[in-house]
Amino acid sequence: MQDRRNFEDVSVGDSVGPLGKGPFTTPHLMRWSAAMENWHKIHYDQPFATGHDKLPGLLINGSLKQQFIAQLLKDWAGRDGWMWQVKFQFRAMNVAGETLSVWARVTGKREAPDYGLIDLDVGISNEKGVESTPGTAVVALPYRGRPAVPYPFVPPPSA
């Protein structure tokens, strides 16, 4: 993780990531299910997932994919930045055995009084290039030579 990323260091079109995750196994998915107390069998019981629910395999938990997007953005923002908004959709299933690539791309920059705002497209794709989790995000970054984005974070008045 970079110690400090400043608003001025970022350009529209910049890529963030990718962050690689996987390949996922049944124990990975079971541990996440246990941590989240999500006991739906589609995440750890192969015969149930493929037989009863007719799924292509054990599903990678949506909350786990959500966490991967947050990890990518938080690490990119650094200690002095702030991951403010994230919106995404689950449009395709990811299953055990897949390796995921979490990515983001800068689509815009906006100046606020105390820090800058970075607009991003975000997503998760598997090793076959199938996009499963497209979305958008906004990250606040400090201006060069100015203090870190305030904690607790207060959104700018016109955002």
Protein backbone atom coordinates (compact mmCIF):
# COMPACT_ATOMS: atom_id res chain seq x y z
CA MET A 1 0.00 0.00 0.00
CA GLN A 2 1.30 3.42 -0.92
CA ASP A 3 1.75 5.70 2.09
CA ARG A 4 0.14 8.67 0.39
CA ARG A 5 -1.61 9.17 -2.92
CA ASN A 6 -2.47 12.78 -3.75
CA PHE A 7 -5.32 14.04 -5.93
CA GLU A 8 -2.80 15.64 -8.30
CA ASP A 9 -1.06 12.28 -8.88
CA VAL A 10 -4.14 10.72 -10.51
CA SER A 11 -5.26 11.06 -14.14
CA VAL A 12 -8.46 10.05 -15.89
CA GLY A 13 -7.83 6.70 -17.54
CA ASP A 14 -5.45 5.44 -14.82
CA SER A 15 -5.87 1.78 -13.91
CA VAL A 16 -6.11 0.57 -10.34
CA GLY A 17 -5.10 -3.01 -9.69
CA PRO A 18 -5.66 -5.64 -10.62
CA LEU A 19 -5.97 -7.41 -7.29
CA GLY A 20 -5.83 -11.16 -7.80
CA LYS A 21 -7.82 -13.52 -5.58
CA GLY A 22 -7.99 -17.29 -5.74
CA PRO A 23 -8.29 -19.90 -7.00
CA PHE A 24 -11.06 -20.47 -4.48
CA THR A 25 -11.57 -23.80 -2.75
CA THR A 26 -14.40 -25.18 -0.65
CA PRO A 27 -12.49 -24.39 2.59
CA HIS A 28 -12.09 -20.73 1.51
CA LEU A 29 -15.81 -20.42 0.96
CA MET A 30 -16.70 -22.33 4.13
CA ARG A 31 -14.47 -20.09 6.27
CA TRP A 32 -16.05 -16.95 4.81
CA SER A 33 -19.54 -18.40 5.30
CA ALA A 34 -18.70 -19.15 8.93
CA ALA A 35 -17.30 -15.66 9.52
CA MET A 36 -20.42 -14.07 8.01
CA GLU A 37 -22.77 -16.65 9.60
CA ASN A 38 -24.14 -17.31 6.12
CA TRP A 39 -25.05 -20.98 6.27
CA HIS A 40 -26.65 -21.32 2.84
CA LYS A 41 -25.43 -24.63 1.42
CA ILE A 42 -24.71 -23.14 -2.02
CA HIS A 43 -21.40 -21.90 -0.59
CA TYR A 44 -20.07 -25.17 0.88
CA ASP A 45 -22.18 -28.22 -0.04
CA GLN A 46 -21.30 -29.28 -3.60
CA PRO A 47 -24.03 -31.95 -4.00
CA PHE A 48 -26.67 -29.51 -2.76
CA ALA A 49 -25.45 -26.62 -4.92
CA THR A 50 -25.20 -28.63 -8.13
CA GLY A 51 -27.96 -31.18 -7.52
CA HIS A 52 -30.71 -29.47 -5.59
CA ASP A 53 -30.19 -25.88 -6.78
CA LYS A 54 -28.81 -26.82 -10.24
CA LEU A 55 -25.93 -24.35 -9.93
CA PRO A 56 -22.66 -24.76 -11.87
CA GLY A 57 -20.69 -25.20 -8.62
CA LEU A 58 -20.22 -23.75 -5.16
CA LEU A 59 -20.87 -20.01 -5.35
CA ILE A 60 -18.32 -17.49 -4.20
CA ASN A 61 -20.13 -15.37 -1.62
CA GLY A 62 -21.32 -11.96 -2.77
CA SER A 63 -20.13 -10.40 0.48
CA LEU A 64 -16.65 -11.80 -0.18
CA LYS A 65 -16.57 -10.20 -3.63
CA GLN A 66 -17.80 -6.95 -2.07
CA GLN A 67 -14.91 -7.06 0.39
CA PHE A 68 -12.41 -7.52 -2.46
CA ILE A 69 -13.60 -4.31 -4.14
CA ALA A 70 -13.34 -2.47 -0.82
CA GLN A 71 -9.82 -3.85 -0.27
CA LEU A 72 -8.63 -2.69 -3.69
CA LEU A 73 -10.01 0.83 -3.20
CA LYS A 74 -8.88 1.19 0.41
CA ASP A 75 -5.35 0.08 -0.42
CA TRP A 76 -5.23 2.41 -3.43
CA ALA A 77 -6.51 5.42 -1.43
CA GLY A 78 -3.74 4.86 1.12
CA ARG A 79 -3.61 5.98 4.71
CA ASP A 80 -4.57 9.58 3.97
CA GLY A 81 -7.41 8.91 1.51
CA TRP A 82 -10.95 7.69 2.01
CA MET A 83 -13.07 5.18 0.13
CA TRP A 84 -16.38 7.06 0.15
CA GLN A 85 -18.94 5.42 -2.13
CA VAL A 86 -19.14 2.04 -3.83
CA LYS A 87 -22.02 0.73 -5.93
CA PHE A 88 -22.01 -2.55 -7.85
CA GLN A 89 -24.24 -5.30 -9.16
CA PHE A 90 -23.90 -9.07 -9.10
CA ARG A 91 -24.52 -9.94 -12.76
CA ALA A 92 -22.85 -13.35 -13.04
CA MET A 93 -21.98 -16.18 -10.70
CA ASN A 94 -18.43 -16.98 -9.68
CA VAL A 95 -17.76 -20.52 -8.50
CA ALA A 96 -15.14 -22.46 -6.57
CA GLY A 97 -12.04 -23.10 -8.66
CA GLU A 98 -12.08 -19.66 -10.28
CA THR A 99 -9.43 -16.99 -9.87
CA LEU A 100 -10.81 -13.46 -9.70
CA SER A 101 -9.28 -10.20 -10.84
CA VAL A 102 -10.53 -7.05 -9.09
CA TRP A 103 -9.95 -3.84 -11.04
CA ALA A 104 -10.80 -0.16 -11.20
CA ARG A 105 -10.31 2.64 -13.73
CA VAL A 106 -10.36 6.38 -13.07
CA THR A 107 -13.24 7.99 -15.00
CA GLY A 108 -13.27 11.49 -13.51
CA LYS A 109 -11.86 13.97 -11.02
CA ARG A 110 -13.68 16.65 -9.03
CA GLU A 111 -12.30 19.29 -6.71
CA ALA A 112 -13.87 19.82 -3.30
CA PRO A 113 -12.76 22.45 -0.76
CA ASP A 114 -10.65 20.18 1.48
CA TYR A 115 -9.78 17.23 -0.81
CA GLY A 116 -10.36 15.90 -4.30
CA LEU A 117 -12.86 13.28 -5.42
CA ILE A 118 -11.93 10.49 -7.83
CA ASP A 119 -14.68 8.72 -9.80
CA LEU A 120 -13.94 5.14 -10.80
CA ASP A 121 -15.46 2.22 -12.65
CA VAL A 122 -14.87 -0.99 -10.70
CA GLY A 123 -15.37 -4.66 -11.38
CA ILE A 124 -14.47 -8.28 -10.89
CA SER A 125 -13.77 -10.71 -13.70
CA ASN A 126 -12.66 -14.33 -13.74
CA GLU A 127 -9.73 -15.87 -15.58
CA LYS A 128 -11.91 -16.27 -18.69
CA GLY A 129 -12.57 -12.52 -18.73
CA VAL A 130 -16.22 -12.85 -17.68
CA GLU A 131 -17.23 -9.70 -15.79
CA SER A 132 -19.44 -10.58 -12.82
CA THR A 133 -19.53 -7.50 -10.62
CA PRO A 134 -19.51 -4.14 -12.45
CA GLY A 135 -19.92 -0.91 -10.56
CA THR A 136 -18.71 2.55 -9.69
CA ALA A 137 -16.91 4.16 -6.77
CA VAL A 138 -15.81 7.52 -5.40
CA VAL A 139 -12.56 7.90 -3.46
CA ALA A 140 -11.49 11.08 -1.66
CA LEU A 141 -7.78 11.93 -1.88
CA PRO A 142 -5.84 14.72 -0.18
CA TYR A 143 -4.35 17.59 -2.11
CA ARG A 144 -0.55 17.66 -2.28
CA GLY A 145 0.89 19.52 0.71
CA ARG A 146 -2.46 19.53 2.52
CA PRO A 147 -3.72 17.39 5.42
CA ALA A 148 -5.16 13.92 5.04
CA VAL A 149 -8.84 13.52 4.20
CA PRO A 150 -10.57 14.21 7.55
CA TYR A 151 -11.61 11.38 9.82
CA PRO A 152 -14.43 10.94 10.45
CA PHE A 153 -15.16 11.58 6.81
CA VAL A 154 -17.57 14.42 6.06
CA PRO A 155 -18.84 14.50 2.46
CA PRO A 156 -18.45 17.79 0.62
CA PRO A 157 -21.61 19.93 0.58
CA SER A 158 -22.12 19.77 -3.18
CA ALA A 159 -21.39 16.07 -3.79
